[in-house]
């Protein structure tokens, strides 16, 4: 009785249009499955550590462009389609992390939000969005990145530069770190 049930599950979970093997198992994580054209799709696993390199292409933020991280180590903890992530700069100092999502179509989004005081009367609000596609096998993902900087709405901390809001846009690439660890060059 057990063998027919296993065979039926194999047919259901691994239709002819999708290759199932032990090699594929490490590229996926149990999560929210989606059915697309009769095929069960599971999001790729982005769990683990990655080296992220960003290249600013266009900045309307003047000196604030220096806050745009050009290389960092990204550590993702994935649960289904959703994940949380932490970031450290190239010298190992913590920088704001955030939340993200990867879906079965391999689209990935990472969002970081934080506030930082610039002066006694100006607090800046930062939102950095990375949107990209995960390669298969899931050893790299890349796409576009936009950092938006606005003045805070906090009373008494909203006397920021009238040129705000502004944004920095560019591209990014995240490469999975080998088992031996991530390698980055410290840039103080």
Protein backbone atom coordinates (compact mmCIF):
# COMPACT_ATOMS: atom_id res chain seq x y z
CA UNK A 1 0.00 0.00 0.00
CA UNK A 2 2.85 2.40 0.83
CA UNK A 3 4.59 2.00 -2.59
CA UNK A 4 1.53 3.10 -4.65
CA UNK A 5 1.12 6.19 -2.44
CA UNK A 6 4.79 7.14 -2.91
CA UNK A 7 4.50 6.57 -6.66
CA UNK A 8 1.36 8.72 -6.80
CA UNK A 9 3.07 11.52 -4.84
CA UNK A 10 6.08 11.33 -7.16
CA UNK A 11 3.86 11.68 -10.21
CA UNK A 12 1.97 14.57 -8.62
CA UNK A 13 5.03 16.43 -7.35
CA UNK A 14 7.31 15.70 -10.30
CA UNK A 15 5.38 15.95 -13.57
CA UNK A 16 7.16 15.13 -16.83
CA UNK A 17 7.65 18.84 -17.56
CA UNK A 18 9.77 19.32 -14.42
CA UNK A 19 13.04 17.49 -13.82
CA UNK A 20 13.31 16.14 -10.28
CA UNK A 21 16.60 14.86 -8.97
CA UNK A 22 18.70 15.01 -5.84
CA UNK A 23 20.76 17.75 -7.51
CA UNK A 24 17.71 20.03 -7.65
CA UNK A 25 16.87 19.50 -3.98
CA UNK A 26 19.64 21.79 -2.70
CA UNK A 27 18.44 24.64 -4.92
CA UNK A 28 14.97 24.79 -3.35
CA UNK A 29 13.57 25.23 0.12
CA UNK A 30 10.23 24.08 1.43
CA UNK A 31 7.92 27.04 1.14
CA UNK A 32 4.73 28.31 -0.31
CA UNK A 33 4.15 26.26 -3.42
CA UNK A 34 2.41 27.84 -6.38
CA UNK A 35 0.72 25.95 -9.21
CA UNK A 36 1.56 27.40 -12.63
CA UNK A 37 0.09 25.67 -15.70
CA UNK A 38 -0.48 22.51 -13.68
CA UNK A 39 3.12 22.42 -12.42
CA UNK A 40 3.88 22.86 -8.72
CA UNK A 41 6.50 25.57 -8.32
CA UNK A 42 8.53 26.17 -5.15
CA UNK A 43 10.67 29.28 -4.60
CA UNK A 44 14.43 28.85 -4.95
CA UNK A 45 16.45 28.81 -1.75
CA UNK A 46 18.33 32.05 -1.14
CA UNK A 47 19.08 31.09 2.46
CA UNK A 48 22.73 31.68 3.43
CA UNK A 49 25.49 34.24 2.89
CA UNK A 50 26.13 36.30 -0.24
CA UNK A 51 28.59 38.98 -1.36
CA UNK A 52 26.62 41.91 -2.79
CA UNK A 53 28.23 44.38 -5.16
CA UNK A 54 26.29 47.50 -6.16
CA UNK A 55 27.16 49.94 -8.91
CA UNK A 56 25.50 53.38 -8.68
CA UNK A 57 24.40 54.57 -12.11
CA UNK A 58 22.48 57.77 -11.38
CA UNK A 59 22.44 59.94 -8.28
CA UNK A 60 20.34 62.95 -7.43
CA UNK A 61 21.59 62.96 -3.83
CA UNK A 62 24.95 64.76 -4.06
CA UNK A 63 27.09 64.06 -0.99
CA UNK A 64 24.51 61.60 0.38
CA UNK A 65 25.55 59.21 -2.39
CA UNK A 66 28.40 58.18 -0.06
CA UNK A 67 25.82 56.29 2.06
CA UNK A 68 25.21 53.90 -0.83
CA UNK A 69 27.01 50.65 0.03
CA UNK A 70 29.15 49.38 -2.84
CA UNK A 71 30.10 45.99 -1.35
CA UNK A 72 28.62 44.10 1.59
CA UNK A 73 27.96 40.65 2.99
CA UNK A 74 24.28 39.71 2.97
CA UNK A 75 23.04 36.90 5.23
CA UNK A 76 19.53 35.61 4.51
CA UNK A 77 17.33 33.49 6.78
CA UNK A 78 14.51 32.17 4.59
CA UNK A 79 11.14 30.76 5.68
CA UNK A 80 9.11 29.77 2.61
CA UNK A 81 8.87 32.69 0.21
CA UNK A 82 9.71 35.32 2.85
CA UNK A 83 13.03 36.07 4.50
CA UNK A 84 14.86 38.43 6.79
CA UNK A 85 18.40 39.57 6.11
CA UNK A 86 21.33 41.21 7.82
CA UNK A 87 24.15 43.14 6.18
CA UNK A 88 27.73 43.96 7.08
CA UNK A 89 30.03 46.27 5.18
CA UNK A 90 33.33 45.07 3.71
CA UNK A 91 35.02 45.56 7.12
CA UNK A 92 32.44 43.52 9.03
CA UNK A 93 30.52 46.46 10.56
CA UNK A 94 26.75 45.97 10.79
CA UNK A 95 24.61 48.07 8.44
CA UNK A 96 20.80 48.06 8.37
CA UNK A 97 19.24 44.84 7.08
CA UNK A 98 15.62 44.23 6.26
CA UNK A 99 13.07 41.87 4.81
CA UNK A 100 12.53 40.25 1.46
CA UNK A 101 10.63 37.80 -0.65
CA UNK A 102 11.42 35.30 -3.38
CA UNK A 103 8.69 33.71 -5.45
CA UNK A 104 8.54 30.54 -7.55
CA UNK A 105 9.14 32.56 -10.73
CA UNK A 106 12.60 33.36 -9.22
CA UNK A 107 11.79 37.07 -8.70
CA UNK A 108 13.46 38.38 -5.55
CA UNK A 109 12.98 41.62 -3.63
CA UNK A 110 14.96 42.97 -0.66
CA UNK A 111 13.83 46.08 1.26
CA UNK A 112 15.77 48.04 3.87
CA UNK A 113 14.23 50.95 5.80
CA UNK A 114 15.85 53.06 8.51
CA UNK A 115 16.09 56.59 9.90
CA UNK A 116 19.32 58.41 10.71
CA UNK A 117 19.84 61.78 12.35
CA UNK A 118 21.84 64.15 10.18
CA UNK A 119 21.66 67.25 12.38
CA UNK A 120 19.75 68.24 15.52
CA UNK A 121 16.85 69.36 13.31
CA UNK A 122 17.07 66.86 10.44
CA UNK A 123 16.43 63.14 10.48
CA UNK A 124 16.70 61.34 7.16
CA UNK A 125 14.57 58.34 6.18
CA UNK A 126 16.21 55.78 3.91
CA UNK A 127 14.56 53.08 1.83
CA UNK A 128 16.69 50.80 -0.31
CA UNK A 129 14.94 48.38 -2.68
CA UNK A 130 16.72 45.65 -4.60
CA UNK A 131 14.66 43.80 -7.22
CA UNK A 132 16.10 40.99 -9.31
CA UNK A 133 16.01 37.44 -10.60
CA UNK A 134 17.60 34.37 -8.98
CA UNK A 135 19.66 32.23 -11.35
CA UNK A 136 19.24 28.45 -11.36
CA UNK A 137 21.11 26.91 -9.69
CA UNK A 138 20.60 29.56 -7.00
CA UNK A 139 24.22 30.73 -6.75
CA UNK A 140 23.65 34.29 -8.00
CA UNK A 141 20.92 36.89 -8.26
CA UNK A 142 21.06 40.34 -9.77
CA UNK A 143 18.92 43.28 -10.79
CA UNK A 144 18.27 46.92 -10.04
CA UNK A 145 18.64 48.86 -6.81
CA UNK A 146 17.13 52.20 -5.76
CA UNK A 147 18.01 54.11 -2.59
CA UNK A 148 15.44 56.81 -1.79
CA UNK A 149 16.24 59.45 0.83
CA UNK A 150 13.52 61.65 2.31
CA UNK A 151 13.27 64.06 5.23
CA UNK A 152 11.58 62.67 8.29
CA UNK A 153 7.99 63.51 9.20
CA UNK A 154 8.96 63.66 12.88
CA UNK A 155 8.11 67.15 14.27
CA UNK A 156 11.29 68.99 15.22
CA UNK A 157 13.40 66.69 13.01
CA UNK A 158 11.96 67.71 9.67
CA UNK A 159 14.16 70.73 8.85
CA UNK A 160 16.15 68.92 6.15
CA UNK A 161 17.49 70.08 2.82
CA UNK A 162 14.69 71.23 0.48
CA UNK A 163 16.24 69.13 -2.33
CA UNK A 164 14.82 66.02 -0.64
CA UNK A 165 13.50 63.57 -1.58
CA UNK A 166 16.28 62.30 -3.79
CA UNK A 167 17.36 58.91 -5.06
CA UNK A 168 20.37 56.88 -6.13
CA UNK A 169 19.79 54.09 -8.62
CA UNK A 170 22.00 51.40 -10.06
CA UNK A 171 22.50 47.68 -10.40
CA UNK A 172 23.55 44.92 -8.02
CA UNK A 173 24.83 41.37 -8.13
CA UNK A 174 24.71 38.92 -5.21
CA UNK A 175 27.01 35.89 -5.39
CA UNK A 176 26.59 32.99 -2.96
CA UNK A 177 29.57 32.58 -0.64
CA UNK A 178 31.44 29.26 -0.73
CA UNK A 179 31.36 26.96 2.29
CA UNK A 180 34.74 28.40 3.36
CA UNK A 181 33.09 31.84 3.87
CA UNK A 182 32.63 35.16 2.16
CA UNK A 183 35.67 37.01 0.87
CA UNK A 184 35.57 40.80 0.67
CA UNK A 185 38.27 43.48 0.84
CA UNK A 186 37.89 45.92 3.73
CA UNK A 187 37.45 49.47 2.47
CA UNK A 188 37.46 51.80 5.53
